[in-house]
């Protein structure tokens, strides 16, 4: 057996998405992305389409959806509101 290499792929951003996100930001709209992607993948995509900026604290601005439901119980409403007020990527 010989190792020949690795292959990776990524779906490109759709045309116009970064511009649409910037336009929404300019209009005062808070853009949030909810995805089933692995968190690091979601962060990379969100940065590419301008939902997250390079200087954002990813630990605050992006979380795995599991944080909304630790164990098998959803967070209480006040905690959910506090968390979702600062998170832009789930």
PDB file of N, CA and C in Angstrom:
ATOM      1  N   UNK A   1       0.833  -1.166   0.000  1.00  0.00           N
ATOM      2  CA  UNK A   1       0.000   0.000   0.000  1.00  0.00           C
ATOM      3  C   UNK A   1       0.887   1.242   0.000  1.00  0.00           C
ATOM      4  N   UNK A   2       0.552   2.190  -0.859  1.00  0.00           N
ATOM      5  CA  UNK A   2       1.294   3.445  -0.938  1.00  0.00           C
ATOM      6  C   UNK A   2       0.344   4.623  -0.779  1.00  0.00           C
ATOM      7  N   UNK A   3       0.808   5.588  -0.010  1.00  0.00           N
ATOM      8  CA  UNK A   3       0.050   6.821   0.160  1.00  0.00           C
ATOM      9  C   UNK A   3       0.283   7.690  -1.068  1.00  0.00           C
ATOM     10  N   UNK A   4      -0.790   8.048  -1.751  1.00  0.00           N
ATOM     11  CA  UNK A   4      -0.670   8.847  -2.964  1.00  0.00           C
ATOM     12  C   UNK A   4      -0.994  10.322  -2.750  1.00  0.00           C
ATOM     13  N   UNK A   5      -1.763  10.646  -1.722  1.00  0.00           N
ATOM     14  CA  UNK A   5      -2.080  12.050  -1.479  1.00  0.00           C
ATOM     15  C   UNK A   5      -3.443  12.209  -0.847  1.00  0.00           C
ATOM     16  N   UNK A   6      -3.824  13.437  -0.673  1.00  0.00           N
ATOM     17  CA  UNK A   6      -5.111  13.789  -0.092  1.00  0.00           C
ATOM     18  C   UNK A   6      -5.902  14.633  -1.072  1.00  0.00           C
ATOM     19  N   UNK A   7      -7.203  14.523  -0.979  1.00  0.00           N
ATOM     20  CA  UNK A   7      -8.078  15.333  -1.810  1.00  0.00           C
ATOM     21  C   UNK A   7      -9.077  16.023  -0.894  1.00  0.00           C
ATOM     22  N   UNK A   8      -9.339  17.279  -1.153  1.00  0.00           N
ATOM     23  CA  UNK A   8     -10.332  18.026  -0.390  1.00  0.00           C
ATOM     24  C   UNK A   8     -11.188  18.823  -1.355  1.00  0.00           C
ATOM     25  N   UNK A   9     -12.386  19.104  -0.936  1.00  0.00           N
ATOM     26  CA  UNK A   9     -13.249  19.925  -1.785  1.00  0.00           C
ATOM     27  C   UNK A   9     -14.048  20.864  -0.905  1.00  0.00           C
ATOM     28  N   UNK A  10     -14.507  21.925  -1.513  1.00  0.00           N
ATOM     29  CA  UNK A  10     -15.356  22.883  -0.815  1.00  0.00           C
ATOM     30  C   UNK A  10     -16.335  23.452  -1.834  1.00  0.00           C
ATOM     31  N   UNK A  11     -17.548  23.631  -1.391  1.00  0.00           N
ATOM     32  CA  UNK A  11     -18.527  24.274  -2.255  1.00  0.00           C
ATOM     33  C   UNK A  11     -18.235  25.765  -2.262  1.00  0.00           C
ATOM     34  N   UNK A  12     -18.133  26.359  -3.428  1.00  0.00           N
ATOM     35  CA  UNK A  12     -17.861  27.803  -3.466  1.00  0.00           C
ATOM     36  C   UNK A  12     -19.075  28.597  -2.982  1.00  0.00           C
ATOM     37  N   UNK A  13     -18.801  29.804  -2.494  1.00  0.00           N
ATOM     38  CA  UNK A  13     -19.879  30.699  -2.093  1.00  0.00           C
ATOM     39  C   UNK A  13     -20.732  31.006  -3.315  1.00  0.00           C
ATOM     40  N   UNK A  14     -21.998  31.190  -3.096  1.00  0.00           N
ATOM     41  CA  UNK A  14     -22.866  31.552  -4.207  1.00  0.00           C
ATOM     42  C   UNK A  14     -22.575  32.988  -4.629  1.00  0.00           C
ATOM     43  N   UNK A  15     -22.707  33.232  -5.915  1.00  0.00           N
ATOM     44  CA  UNK A  15     -22.472  34.579  -6.430  1.00  0.00           C
ATOM     45  C   UNK A  15     -23.367  35.587  -5.722  1.00  0.00           C
ATOM     46  N   UNK A  16     -22.781  36.696  -5.327  1.00  0.00           N
ATOM     47  CA  UNK A  16     -23.535  37.791  -4.751  1.00  0.00           C
ATOM     48  C   UNK A  16     -23.771  37.714  -3.248  1.00  0.00           C
ATOM     49  N   UNK A  17     -23.421  36.589  -2.614  1.00  0.00           N
ATOM     50  CA  UNK A  17     -23.698  36.470  -1.179  1.00  0.00           C
ATOM     51  C   UNK A  17     -22.908  37.483  -0.353  1.00  0.00           C
ATOM     52  N   UNK A  18     -21.583  37.597  -0.533  1.00  0.00           N
ATOM     53  CA  UNK A  18     -20.865  38.591   0.278  1.00  0.00           C
ATOM     54  C   UNK A  18     -21.418  40.012   0.102  1.00  0.00           C
ATOM     55  N   UNK A  19     -21.770  40.360  -1.130  1.00  0.00           N
ATOM     56  CA  UNK A  19     -22.309  41.692  -1.395  1.00  0.00           C
ATOM     57  C   UNK A  19     -23.668  41.868  -0.712  1.00  0.00           C
ATOM     58  N   UNK A  20     -24.487  40.826  -0.741  1.00  0.00           N
ATOM     59  CA  UNK A  20     -25.803  40.891  -0.090  1.00  0.00           C
ATOM     60  C   UNK A  20     -25.663  41.032   1.419  1.00  0.00           C
ATOM     61  N   UNK A  21     -24.701  40.321   2.004  1.00  0.00           N
ATOM     62  CA  UNK A  21     -24.478  40.419   3.447  1.00  0.00           C
ATOM     63  C   UNK A  21     -23.996  41.821   3.804  1.00  0.00           C
ATOM     64  N   UNK A  22     -23.060  42.355   3.024  1.00  0.00           N
ATOM     65  CA  UNK A  22     -22.581  43.727   3.286  1.00  0.00           C
ATOM     66  C   UNK A  22     -23.724  44.733   3.160  1.00  0.00           C
ATOM     67  N   UNK A  23     -24.580  44.541   2.167  1.00  0.00           N
ATOM     68  CA  UNK A  23     -25.726  45.426   1.974  1.00  0.00           C
ATOM     69  C   UNK A  23     -26.687  45.350   3.167  1.00  0.00           C
ATOM     70  N   UNK A  24     -26.919  44.151   3.654  1.00  0.00           N
ATOM     71  CA  UNK A  24     -27.778  43.979   4.826  1.00  0.00           C
ATOM     72  C   UNK A  24     -27.169  44.658   6.046  1.00  0.00           C
ATOM     73  N   UNK A  25     -25.849  44.481   6.232  1.00  0.00           N
ATOM     74  CA  UNK A  25     -25.167  45.151   7.349  1.00  0.00           C
ATOM     75  C   UNK A  25     -25.320  46.666   7.238  1.00  0.00           C
ATOM     76  N   UNK A  26     -25.160  47.195   6.028  1.00  0.00           N
ATOM     77  CA  UNK A  26     -25.290  48.643   5.816  1.00  0.00           C
ATOM     78  C   UNK A  26     -26.692  49.138   6.154  1.00  0.00           C
ATOM     79  N   UNK A  27     -27.679  48.275   5.978  1.00  0.00           N
ATOM     80  CA  UNK A  27     -29.063  48.644   6.269  1.00  0.00           C
ATOM     81  C   UNK A  27     -29.417  48.408   7.741  1.00  0.00           C
ATOM     82  N   UNK A  28     -28.431  47.966   8.527  1.00  0.00           N
ATOM     83  CA  UNK A  28     -28.672  47.742   9.943  1.00  0.00           C
ATOM     84  C   UNK A  28     -29.272  46.377  10.262  1.00  0.00           C
ATOM     85  N   UNK A  29     -29.215  45.462   9.314  1.00  0.00           N
ATOM     86  CA  UNK A  29     -29.769  44.126   9.518  1.00  0.00           C
ATOM     87  C   UNK A  29     -28.682  43.204  10.065  1.00  0.00           C
ATOM     88  N   UNK A  30     -28.994  42.503  11.123  1.00  0.00           N
ATOM     89  CA  UNK A  30     -28.071  41.529  11.714  1.00  0.00           C
ATOM     90  C   UNK A  30     -28.221  40.211  10.964  1.00  0.00           C
ATOM     91  N   UNK A  31     -27.162  39.771  10.311  1.00  0.00           N
ATOM     92  CA  UNK A  31     -27.201  38.542   9.513  1.00  0.00           C
ATOM     93  C   UNK A  31     -26.707  37.378  10.377  1.00  0.00           C
ATOM     94  N   UNK A  32     -27.492  36.307  10.395  1.00  0.00           N
ATOM     95  CA  UNK A  32     -27.165  35.107  11.162  1.00  0.00           C
ATOM     96  C   UNK A  32     -27.158  33.914  10.209  1.00  0.00           C
ATOM     97  N   UNK A  33     -26.204  33.019  10.405  1.00  0.00           N
ATOM     98  CA  UNK A  33     -26.123  31.811   9.589  1.00  0.00           C
ATOM     99  C   UNK A  33     -26.340  30.593  10.482  1.00  0.00           C
ATOM    100  N   UNK A  34     -27.307  29.764  10.106  1.00  0.00           N
ATOM    101  CA  UNK A  34     -27.575  28.517  10.820  1.00  0.00           C
ATOM    102  C   UNK A  34     -27.276  27.389   9.843  1.00  0.00           C
ATOM    103  N   UNK A  35     -26.374  26.506  10.233  1.00  0.00           N
ATOM    104  CA  UNK A  35     -25.934  25.452   9.332  1.00  0.00           C
ATOM    105  C   UNK A  35     -25.697  24.157  10.088  1.00  0.00           C
ATOM    106  N   UNK A  36     -25.652  23.088   9.384  1.00  0.00           N
ATOM    107  CA  UNK A  36     -25.337  21.793   9.983  1.00  0.00           C
ATOM    108  C   UNK A  36     -23.877  21.433   9.824  1.00  0.00           C
ATOM    109  N   UNK A  37     -23.090  22.374   9.307  1.00  0.00           N
ATOM    110  CA  UNK A  37     -21.664  22.121   9.090  1.00  0.00           C
ATOM    111  C   UNK A  37     -20.902  22.031  10.404  1.00  0.00           C
ATOM    112  N   UNK A  38     -19.775  21.373  10.338  1.00  0.00           N
ATOM    113  CA  UNK A  38     -18.809  21.351  11.431  1.00  0.00           C
ATOM    114  C   UNK A  38     -18.470  22.804  11.759  1.00  0.00           C
ATOM    115  N   UNK A  39     -18.291  23.135  13.031  1.00  0.00           N
ATOM    116  CA  UNK A  39     -18.141  24.528  13.456  1.00  0.00           C
ATOM    117  C   UNK A  39     -17.006  25.251  12.733  1.00  0.00           C
ATOM    118  N   UNK A  40     -15.843  24.622  12.589  1.00  0.00           N
ATOM    119  CA  UNK A  40     -14.728  25.301  11.901  1.00  0.00           C
ATOM    120  C   UNK A  40     -15.056  25.563  10.441  1.00  0.00           C
ATOM    121  N   UNK A  41     -15.775  24.662   9.808  1.00  0.00           N
ATOM    122  CA  UNK A  41     -16.206  24.877   8.426  1.00  0.00           C
ATOM    123  C   UNK A  41     -17.187  26.032   8.367  1.00  0.00           C
ATOM    124  N   UNK A  42     -18.137  26.056   9.294  1.00  0.00           N
ATOM    125  CA  UNK A  42     -19.126  27.136   9.339  1.00  0.00           C
ATOM    126  C   UNK A  42     -18.461  28.487   9.540  1.00  0.00           C
ATOM    127  N   UNK A  43     -17.460  28.547  10.410  1.00  0.00           N
ATOM    128  CA  UNK A  43     -16.733  29.796  10.660  1.00  0.00           C
ATOM    129  C   UNK A  43     -16.024  30.254   9.386  1.00  0.00           C
ATOM    130  N   UNK A  44     -15.367  29.335   8.693  1.00  0.00           N
ATOM    131  CA  UNK A  44     -14.663  29.692   7.452  1.00  0.00           C
ATOM    132  C   UNK A  44     -15.637  30.230   6.413  1.00  0.00           C
ATOM    133  N   UNK A  45     -16.771  29.580   6.268  1.00  0.00           N
ATOM    134  CA  UNK A  45     -17.773  30.045   5.305  1.00  0.00           C
ATOM    135  C   UNK A  45     -18.295  31.424   5.714  1.00  0.00           C
ATOM    136  N   UNK A  46     -18.615  31.586   6.991  1.00  0.00           N
ATOM    137  CA  UNK A  46     -19.136  32.863   7.475  1.00  0.00           C
ATOM    138  C   UNK A  46     -18.134  33.994   7.271  1.00  0.00           C
ATOM    139  N   UNK A  47     -16.845  33.703   7.420  1.00  0.00           N
ATOM    140  CA  UNK A  47     -15.824  34.726   7.166  1.00  0.00           C
ATOM    141  C   UNK A  47     -15.747  35.043   5.671  1.00  0.00           C
ATOM    142  N   UNK A  48     -15.862  34.029   4.835  1.00  0.00           N
ATOM    143  CA  UNK A  48     -15.799  34.245   3.378  1.00  0.00           C
ATOM    144  C   UNK A  48     -16.944  35.104   2.869  1.00  0.00           C
ATOM    145  N   UNK A  49     -18.115  34.979   3.484  1.00  0.00           N
ATOM    146  CA  UNK A  49     -19.277  35.729   3.002  1.00  0.00           C
ATOM    147  C   UNK A  49     -19.575  36.961   3.868  1.00  0.00           C
ATOM    148  N   UNK A  50     -18.621  37.343   4.719  1.00  0.00           N
ATOM    149  CA  UNK A  50     -18.677  38.584   5.498  1.00  0.00           C
ATOM    150  C   UNK A  50     -19.689  38.580   6.647  1.00  0.00           C
ATOM    151  N   UNK A  51     -20.159  37.401   7.057  1.00  0.00           N
ATOM    152  CA  UNK A  51     -21.010  37.340   8.245  1.00  0.00           C
ATOM    153  C   UNK A  51     -20.146  37.502   9.481  1.00  0.00           C
ATOM    154  N   UNK A  52     -18.987  36.866   9.464  1.00  0.00           N
ATOM    155  CA  UNK A  52     -17.983  37.066  10.511  1.00  0.00           C
ATOM    156  C   UNK A  52     -16.816  37.829   9.921  1.00  0.00           C
ATOM    157  N   UNK A  53     -16.236  38.693  10.724  1.00  0.00           N
ATOM    158  CA  UNK A  53     -15.041  39.426  10.300  1.00  0.00           C
ATOM    159  C   UNK A  53     -13.826  38.752  10.913  1.00  0.00           C
ATOM    160  N   UNK A  54     -12.683  38.948  10.324  1.00  0.00           N
ATOM    161  CA  UNK A  54     -11.446  38.298  10.786  1.00  0.00           C
ATOM    162  C   UNK A  54     -11.139  38.620  12.247  1.00  0.00           C
ATOM    163  N   UNK A  55     -11.533  39.808  12.718  1.00  0.00           N
ATOM    164  CA  UNK A  55     -11.228  40.195  14.097  1.00  0.00           C
ATOM    165  C   UNK A  55     -12.320  39.810  15.096  1.00  0.00           C
ATOM    166  N   UNK A  56     -13.396  39.145  14.644  1.00  0.00           N
ATOM    167  CA  UNK A  56     -14.438  38.681  15.570  1.00  0.00           C
ATOM    168  C   UNK A  56     -13.895  37.597  16.486  1.00  0.00           C
ATOM    169  N   UNK A  57     -14.375  37.577  17.707  1.00  0.00           N
ATOM    170  CA  UNK A  57     -14.044  36.516  18.651  1.00  0.00           C
ATOM    171  C   UNK A  57     -14.945  35.330  18.319  1.00  0.00           C
ATOM    172  N   UNK A  58     -14.392  34.331  17.658  1.00  0.00           N
ATOM    173  CA  UNK A  58     -15.163  33.188  17.189  1.00  0.00           C
ATOM    174  C   UNK A  58     -15.803  32.432  18.349  1.00  0.00           C
ATOM    175  N   UNK A  59     -15.160  32.444  19.523  1.00  0.00           N
ATOM    176  CA  UNK A  59     -15.732  31.784  20.688  1.00  0.00           C
ATOM    177  C   UNK A  59     -17.039  32.409  21.150  1.00  0.00           C
ATOM    178  N   UNK A  60     -17.254  33.664  20.783  1.00  0.00           N
ATOM    179  CA  UNK A  60     -18.473  34.377  21.151  1.00  0.00           C
ATOM    180  C   UNK A  60     -19.439  34.440  19.969  1.00  0.00           C
ATOM    181  N   UNK A  61     -18.908  34.611  18.776  1.00  0.00           N
ATOM    182  CA  UNK A  61     -19.739  34.842  17.592  1.00  0.00           C
ATOM    183  C   UNK A  61     -20.204  33.582  16.879  1.00  0.00           C
ATOM    184  N   UNK A  62     -19.597  32.438  17.194  1.00  0.00           N
ATOM    185  CA  UNK A  62     -19.962  31.191  16.525  1.00  0.00           C
ATOM    186  C   UNK A  62     -20.004  30.057  17.544  1.00  0.00           C
ATOM    187  N   UNK A  63     -21.106  29.323  17.558  1.00  0.00           N
ATOM    188  CA  UNK A  63     -21.232  28.200  18.487  1.00  0.00           C
ATOM    189  C   UNK A  63     -21.885  27.009  17.796  1.00  0.00           C
ATOM    190  N   UNK A  64     -21.568  25.853  18.307  1.00  0.00           N
ATOM    191  CA  UNK A  64     -22.235  24.637  17.862  1.00  0.00           C
ATOM    192  C   UNK A  64     -23.659  24.664  18.410  1.00  0.00           C
ATOM    193  N   UNK A  65     -24.609  24.227  17.628  1.00  0.00           N
ATOM    194  CA  UNK A  65     -26.008  24.247  18.070  1.00  0.00           C
ATOM    195  C   UNK A  65     -26.236  23.439  19.341  1.00  0.00           C
ATOM    196  N   UNK A  66     -25.339  22.524  19.641  1.00  0.00           N
ATOM    197  CA  UNK A  66     -25.472  21.734  20.867  1.00  0.00           C
ATOM    198  C   UNK A  66     -25.446  22.624  22.108  1.00  0.00           C
ATOM    199  N   UNK A  67     -24.844  23.807  22.002  1.00  0.00           N
ATOM    200  CA  UNK A  67     -24.826  24.736  23.151  1.00  0.00           C
ATOM    201  C   UNK A  67     -26.226  25.235  23.508  1.00  0.00           C
ATOM    202  N   UNK A  68     -27.157  25.156  22.551  1.00  0.00           N
ATOM    203  CA  UNK A  68     -28.525  25.584  22.819  1.00  0.00           C
ATOM    204  C   UNK A  68     -29.298  24.527  23.600  1.00  0.00           C
ATOM    205  N   UNK A  69     -28.758  23.305  23.594  1.00  0.00           N
ATOM    206  CA  UNK A  69     -29.465  22.184  24.222  1.00  0.00           C
ATOM    207  C   UNK A  69     -28.479  21.277  24.959  1.00  0.00           C
ATOM    208  N   UNK A  70     -27.877  21.794  26.029  1.00  0.00           N
ATOM    209  CA  UNK A  70     -26.951  20.945  26.775  1.00  0.00           C
ATOM    210  C   UNK A  70     -27.713  19.777  27.399  1.00  0.00           C
ATOM    211  N   UNK A  71     -27.159  18.580  27.282  1.00  0.00           N
ATOM    212  CA  UNK A  71     -27.905  17.405  27.729  1.00  0.00           C
ATOM    213  C   UNK A  71     -29.057  17.195  26.768  1.00  0.00           C
ATOM    214  N   UNK A  72     -30.238  17.079  27.295  1.00  0.00           N
ATOM    215  CA  UNK A  72     -31.421  16.926  26.442  1.00  0.00           C
ATOM    216  C   UNK A  72     -32.448  18.018  26.667  1.00  0.00           C
ATOM    217  N   UNK A  73     -32.032  19.086  27.333  1.00  0.00           N
ATOM    218  CA  UNK A  73     -32.962  20.160  27.667  1.00  0.00           C
ATOM    219  C   UNK A  73     -32.481  21.473  27.066  1.00  0.00           C
ATOM    220  N   UNK A  74     -33.389  22.164  26.363  1.00  0.00           N
ATOM    221  CA  UNK A  74     -33.031  23.467  25.813  1.00  0.00           C
ATOM    222  C   UNK A  74     -32.762  24.457  26.937  1.00  0.00           C
ATOM    223  N   UNK A  75     -31.919  25.438  26.656  1.00  0.00           N
ATOM    224  CA  UNK A  75     -31.647  26.497  27.625  1.00  0.00           C
ATOM    225  C   UNK A  75     -32.939  27.227  27.975  1.00  0.00           C
ATOM    226  N   UNK A  76     -33.018  27.754  29.196  1.00  0.00           N
ATOM    227  CA  UNK A  76     -34.169  28.608  29.532  1.00  0.00           C
ATOM    228  C   UNK A  76     -34.185  29.828  28.603  1.00  0.00           C
ATOM    229  N   UNK A  77     -35.358  30.400  28.414  1.00  0.00           N
ATOM    230  CA  UNK A  77     -35.518  31.511  27.459  1.00  0.00           C
ATOM    231  C   UNK A  77     -34.537  32.655  27.704  1.00  0.00           C
ATOM    232  N   UNK A  78     -34.342  33.050  28.950  1.00  0.00           N
ATOM    233  CA  UNK A  78     -33.450  34.190  29.220  1.00  0.00           C
ATOM    234  C   UNK A  78     -32.002  33.855  28.841  1.00  0.00           C
ATOM    235  N   UNK A  79     -31.571  32.616  29.048  1.00  0.00           N
ATOM    236  CA  UNK A  79     -30.216  32.227  28.652  1.00  0.00           C
ATOM    237  C   UNK A  79     -30.103  32.106  27.131  1.00  0.00           C
ATOM    238  N   UNK A  80     -31.153  31.587  26.500  1.00  0.00           N
ATOM    239  CA  UNK A  80     -31.183  31.490  25.036  1.00  0.00           C
ATOM    240  C   UNK A  80     -31.101  32.884  24.419  1.00  0.00           C
ATOM    241  N   UNK A  81     -31.854  33.832  24.968  1.00  0.00           N
ATOM    242  CA  UNK A  81     -31.824  35.207  24.464  1.00  0.00           C
ATOM    243  C   UNK A  81     -30.441  35.825  24.622  1.00  0.00           C
ATOM    244  N   UNK A  82     -29.806  35.600  25.760  1.00  0.00           N
ATOM    245  CA  UNK A  82     -28.462  36.146  26.013  1.00  0.00           C
ATOM    246  C   UNK A  82     -27.450  35.564  25.017  1.00  0.00           C
ATOM    247  N   UNK A  83     -27.521  34.253  24.805  1.00  0.00           N
ATOM    248  CA  UNK A  83     -26.579  33.612  23.887  1.00  0.00           C
ATOM    249  C   UNK A  83     -26.810  34.057  22.446  1.00  0.00           C
ATOM    250  N   UNK A  84     -28.042  34.042  22.014  1.00  0.00           N
ATOM    251  CA  UNK A  84     -28.327  34.356  20.608  1.00  0.00           C
ATOM    252  C   UNK A  84     -28.167  35.830  20.284  1.00  0.00           C
ATOM    253  N   UNK A  85     -28.074  36.686  21.286  1.00  0.00           N
ATOM    254  CA  UNK A  85     -27.866  38.120  21.037  1.00  0.00           C
ATOM    255  C   UNK A  85     -26.485  38.400  20.458  1.00  0.00           C
ATOM    256  N   UNK A  86     -25.512  37.546  20.760  1.00  0.00           N
ATOM    257  CA  UNK A  86     -24.147  37.805  20.288  1.00  0.00           C
ATOM    258  C   UNK A  86     -23.664  36.813  19.229  1.00  0.00           C
ATOM    259  N   UNK A  87     -24.358  35.715  19.071  1.00  0.00           N
ATOM    260  CA  UNK A  87     -23.909  34.683  18.134  1.00  0.00           C
ATOM    261  C   UNK A  87     -24.472  34.964  16.742  1.00  0.00           C
ATOM    262  N   UNK A  88     -23.614  34.831  15.729  1.00  0.00           N
ATOM    263  CA  UNK A  88     -24.057  35.026  14.352  1.00  0.00           C
ATOM    264  C   UNK A  88     -23.935  33.757  13.518  1.00  0.00           C
ATOM    265  N   UNK A  89     -23.253  32.752  14.075  1.00  0.00           N
ATOM    266  CA  UNK A  89     -23.103  31.487  13.355  1.00  0.00           C
ATOM    267  C   UNK A  89     -23.433  30.339  14.290  1.00  0.00           C
ATOM    268  N   UNK A  90     -24.386  29.529  13.876  1.00  0.00           N
ATOM    269  CA  UNK A  90     -24.780  28.339  14.630  1.00  0.00           C
ATOM    270  C   UNK A  90     -24.522  27.125  13.777  1.00  0.00           C
TER     271      UNK A  90
END
